[in-house]
Amino acid sequence: MKTFIALLAWCLLLVLCWPLALLALVLWPFVWLLSLPFRLIGITFSALFAFLYAVLTLPARLLGWRPTPRHATAG
């Protein structure tokens, strides 16, 4: 669905301002390549926080504690 919306937005931009649409089409791979390191940093930090959570809750989990689902506590 995201891809379809992006395609529709690009087609609308193509109709309204075709030079800008073509420029966006040409520059998109470069923007994607520039964003790769930031995505890798985000994945690394997410994994690091999950690991820290697992290590810090290990003693409690060994004693029988089980985390409650998040949707069950919101009521």
N, C-alpha and C. Protein backbone atom coordinates (compact mmCIF):
# COMPACT_ATOMS: atom_id res chain seq x y z
N MET A 1 0.83 -1.20 0.00
CA MET A 1 0.00 0.00 0.00
C MET A 1 0.87 1.26 0.00
N LYS A 2 2.00 1.21 0.74
CA LYS A 2 2.90 2.35 0.77
C LYS A 2 3.48 2.63 -0.62
N THR A 3 3.80 1.56 -1.33
CA THR A 3 4.38 1.70 -2.66
C THR A 3 3.36 2.31 -3.62
N PHE A 4 2.11 1.89 -3.49
CA PHE A 4 1.06 2.43 -4.35
C PHE A 4 0.86 3.92 -4.10
N ILE A 5 0.85 4.33 -2.85
CA ILE A 5 0.69 5.75 -2.51
C ILE A 5 1.88 6.55 -3.03
N ALA A 6 3.09 5.99 -2.90
CA ALA A 6 4.27 6.68 -3.41
C ALA A 6 4.20 6.81 -4.93
N LEU A 7 3.73 5.78 -5.60
CA LEU A 7 3.60 5.84 -7.05
C LEU A 7 2.56 6.89 -7.47
N LEU A 8 1.45 6.94 -6.76
CA LEU A 8 0.44 7.96 -7.06
C LEU A 8 0.97 9.37 -6.82
N ALA A 9 1.72 9.53 -5.74
CA ALA A 9 2.30 10.85 -5.45
C ALA A 9 3.29 11.25 -6.53
N TRP A 10 4.08 10.28 -7.00
CA TRP A 10 5.05 10.59 -8.05
C TRP A 10 4.33 10.93 -9.36
N CYS A 11 3.27 10.20 -9.67
CA CYS A 11 2.50 10.51 -10.89
C CYS A 11 1.87 11.90 -10.81
N LEU A 12 1.38 12.26 -9.63
CA LEU A 12 0.83 13.60 -9.45
C LEU A 12 1.91 14.66 -9.62
N LEU A 13 3.09 14.39 -9.06
CA LEU A 13 4.21 15.31 -9.23
C LEU A 13 4.63 15.39 -10.69
N LEU A 14 4.57 14.26 -11.40
CA LEU A 14 4.92 14.25 -12.82
C LEU A 14 3.97 15.13 -13.62
N VAL A 15 2.69 15.12 -13.27
CA VAL A 15 1.72 15.94 -13.98
C VAL A 15 1.90 17.42 -13.63
N LEU A 16 2.17 17.71 -12.36
CA LEU A 16 2.27 19.10 -11.93
C LEU A 16 3.61 19.74 -12.29
N CYS A 17 4.70 18.99 -12.10
CA CYS A 17 6.02 19.56 -12.35
C CYS A 17 6.96 18.44 -12.79
N TRP A 18 6.99 18.17 -14.09
CA TRP A 18 7.72 17.00 -14.57
C TRP A 18 9.23 17.09 -14.38
N PRO A 19 9.86 18.27 -14.42
CA PRO A 19 11.32 18.28 -14.16
C PRO A 19 11.66 17.85 -12.73
N LEU A 20 10.84 18.28 -11.78
CA LEU A 20 11.07 17.90 -10.39
C LEU A 20 10.83 16.40 -10.19
N ALA A 21 9.84 15.86 -10.86
CA ALA A 21 9.56 14.42 -10.76
C ALA A 21 10.70 13.60 -11.33
N LEU A 22 11.24 14.02 -12.46
CA LEU A 22 12.37 13.30 -13.04
C LEU A 22 13.63 13.44 -12.19
N LEU A 23 13.82 14.61 -11.59
CA LEU A 23 14.95 14.80 -10.69
C LEU A 23 14.83 13.89 -9.47
N ALA A 24 13.62 13.79 -8.94
CA ALA A 24 13.39 12.90 -7.79
C ALA A 24 13.65 11.45 -8.19
N LEU A 25 13.26 11.07 -9.38
CA LEU A 25 13.47 9.70 -9.85
C LEU A 25 14.95 9.39 -10.00
N VAL A 26 15.74 10.36 -10.44
CA VAL A 26 17.18 10.15 -10.62
C VAL A 26 17.91 10.17 -9.27
N LEU A 27 17.49 11.06 -8.36
CA LEU A 27 18.20 11.20 -7.09
C LEU A 27 17.80 10.17 -6.04
N TRP A 28 16.69 9.47 -6.22
CA TRP A 28 16.22 8.53 -5.21
C TRP A 28 17.24 7.45 -4.85
N PRO A 29 17.95 6.84 -5.81
CA PRO A 29 18.96 5.83 -5.42
C PRO A 29 20.08 6.40 -4.56
N PHE A 30 20.47 7.65 -4.82
CA PHE A 30 21.52 8.27 -4.01
C PHE A 30 21.03 8.56 -2.59
N VAL A 31 19.79 8.99 -2.46
CA VAL A 31 19.22 9.22 -1.13
C VAL A 31 19.14 7.89 -0.37
N TRP A 32 18.76 6.83 -1.06
CA TRP A 32 18.68 5.51 -0.44
C TRP A 32 20.06 5.06 0.04
N LEU A 33 21.09 5.26 -0.80
CA LEU A 33 22.44 4.88 -0.40
C LEU A 33 22.95 5.70 0.78
N LEU A 34 22.61 6.98 0.83
CA LEU A 34 23.02 7.81 1.96
C LEU A 34 22.31 7.43 3.25
N SER A 35 21.09 6.89 3.15
CA SER A 35 20.35 6.53 4.36
C SER A 35 20.72 5.16 4.91
N LEU A 36 21.43 4.34 4.13
CA LEU A 36 21.79 3.00 4.59
C LEU A 36 22.58 2.98 5.90
N PRO A 37 23.62 3.81 6.07
CA PRO A 37 24.34 3.76 7.35
C PRO A 37 23.44 4.07 8.55
N PHE A 38 22.52 5.01 8.39
CA PHE A 38 21.63 5.36 9.50
C PHE A 38 20.68 4.21 9.82
N ARG A 39 20.24 3.48 8.80
CA ARG A 39 19.38 2.33 9.04
C ARG A 39 20.16 1.24 9.76
N LEU A 40 21.42 1.03 9.37
CA LEU A 40 22.25 0.03 10.04
C LEU A 40 22.51 0.40 11.50
N ILE A 41 22.72 1.68 11.75
CA ILE A 41 22.90 2.13 13.14
C ILE A 41 21.62 1.89 13.93
N GLY A 42 20.47 2.16 13.33
CA GLY A 42 19.20 1.92 14.02
C GLY A 42 18.98 0.45 14.33
N ILE A 43 19.30 -0.42 13.39
CA ILE A 43 19.17 -1.86 13.63
C ILE A 43 20.11 -2.31 14.74
N THR A 44 21.34 -1.77 14.72
CA THR A 44 22.32 -2.13 15.75
C THR A 44 21.86 -1.70 17.13
N PHE A 45 21.37 -0.48 17.26
CA PHE A 45 20.91 -0.01 18.56
C PHE A 45 19.67 -0.77 19.03
N SER A 46 18.79 -1.12 18.12
CA SER A 46 17.62 -1.91 18.48
C SER A 46 18.04 -3.27 19.03
N ALA A 47 18.99 -3.90 18.36
CA ALA A 47 19.48 -5.19 18.84
C ALA A 47 20.21 -5.05 20.17
N LEU A 48 20.96 -3.97 20.34
CA LEU A 48 21.67 -3.74 21.59
C LEU A 48 20.69 -3.56 22.75
N PHE A 49 19.63 -2.79 22.56
CA PHE A 49 18.65 -2.59 23.61
C PHE A 49 17.89 -3.87 23.93
N ALA A 50 17.59 -4.68 22.92
CA ALA A 50 16.93 -5.96 23.16
C ALA A 50 17.85 -6.88 23.96
N PHE A 51 19.14 -6.87 23.63
CA PHE A 51 20.10 -7.69 24.37
C PHE A 51 20.22 -7.22 25.82
N LEU A 52 20.31 -5.91 26.03
CA LEU A 52 20.39 -5.38 27.40
C LEU A 52 19.14 -5.72 28.20
N TYR A 53 17.98 -5.63 27.57
CA TYR A 53 16.73 -5.99 28.25
C TYR A 53 16.75 -7.46 28.65
N ALA A 54 17.24 -8.32 27.75
CA ALA A 54 17.29 -9.74 28.05
C ALA A 54 18.27 -10.03 29.18
N VAL A 55 19.40 -9.36 29.19
CA VAL A 55 20.40 -9.59 30.24
C VAL A 55 19.90 -9.07 31.58
N LEU A 56 19.29 -7.89 31.59
CA LEU A 56 18.84 -7.30 32.85
C LEU A 56 17.63 -8.02 33.45
N THR A 57 16.80 -8.63 32.62
CA THR A 57 15.65 -9.35 33.15
C THR A 57 15.90 -10.84 33.32
N LEU A 58 17.12 -11.30 33.02
CA LEU A 58 17.43 -12.72 33.13
C LEU A 58 17.21 -13.27 34.54
N PRO A 59 17.69 -12.59 35.61
CA PRO A 59 17.45 -13.16 36.95
C PRO A 59 15.96 -13.30 37.29
N ALA A 60 15.18 -12.31 36.90
CA ALA A 60 13.74 -12.37 37.18
C ALA A 60 13.09 -13.49 36.37
N ARG A 61 13.49 -13.65 35.13
CA ARG A 61 12.93 -14.72 34.30
C ARG A 61 13.33 -16.10 34.81
N LEU A 62 14.52 -16.21 35.37
CA LEU A 62 14.94 -17.49 35.94
C LEU A 62 14.12 -17.84 37.19
N LEU A 63 13.62 -16.82 37.89
CA LEU A 63 12.79 -17.04 39.07
C LEU A 63 11.32 -17.21 38.73
N GLY A 64 10.95 -17.15 37.46
CA GLY A 64 9.58 -17.44 37.06
C GLY A 64 8.76 -16.27 36.58
N TRP A 65 9.33 -15.08 36.53
CA TRP A 65 8.57 -13.91 36.07
C TRP A 65 8.38 -13.98 34.57
N ARG A 66 7.17 -13.68 34.12
CA ARG A 66 6.88 -13.62 32.69
C ARG A 66 6.32 -12.24 32.38
N PRO A 67 6.84 -11.59 31.35
CA PRO A 67 6.30 -10.27 31.01
C PRO A 67 4.87 -10.38 30.50
N THR A 68 4.03 -9.43 30.90
CA THR A 68 2.64 -9.43 30.44
C THR A 68 2.58 -8.79 29.07
N PRO A 69 1.65 -9.22 28.23
CA PRO A 69 1.51 -8.57 26.92
C PRO A 69 1.13 -7.10 27.09
N ARG A 70 1.62 -6.25 26.23
CA ARG A 70 1.38 -4.81 26.36
C ARG A 70 -0.09 -4.45 26.22
N HIS A 71 -0.82 -5.15 25.36
CA HIS A 71 -2.22 -4.81 25.15
C HIS A 71 -3.08 -5.22 26.33
N ALA A 72 -2.62 -6.15 27.16
CA ALA A 72 -3.41 -6.59 28.31
C ALA A 72 -3.32 -5.59 29.47
N THR A 73 -2.26 -4.78 29.53
CA THR A 73 -2.09 -3.86 30.64
C THR A 73 -2.78 -2.53 30.41
N ALA A 74 -3.27 -2.26 29.23
CA ALA A 74 -3.86 -0.96 28.93
C ALA A 74 -5.37 -0.98 29.18
N GLY A 75 -5.80 -1.41 30.31
CA GLY A 75 -7.23 -1.42 30.52
C GLY A 75 -7.53 -1.32 31.91
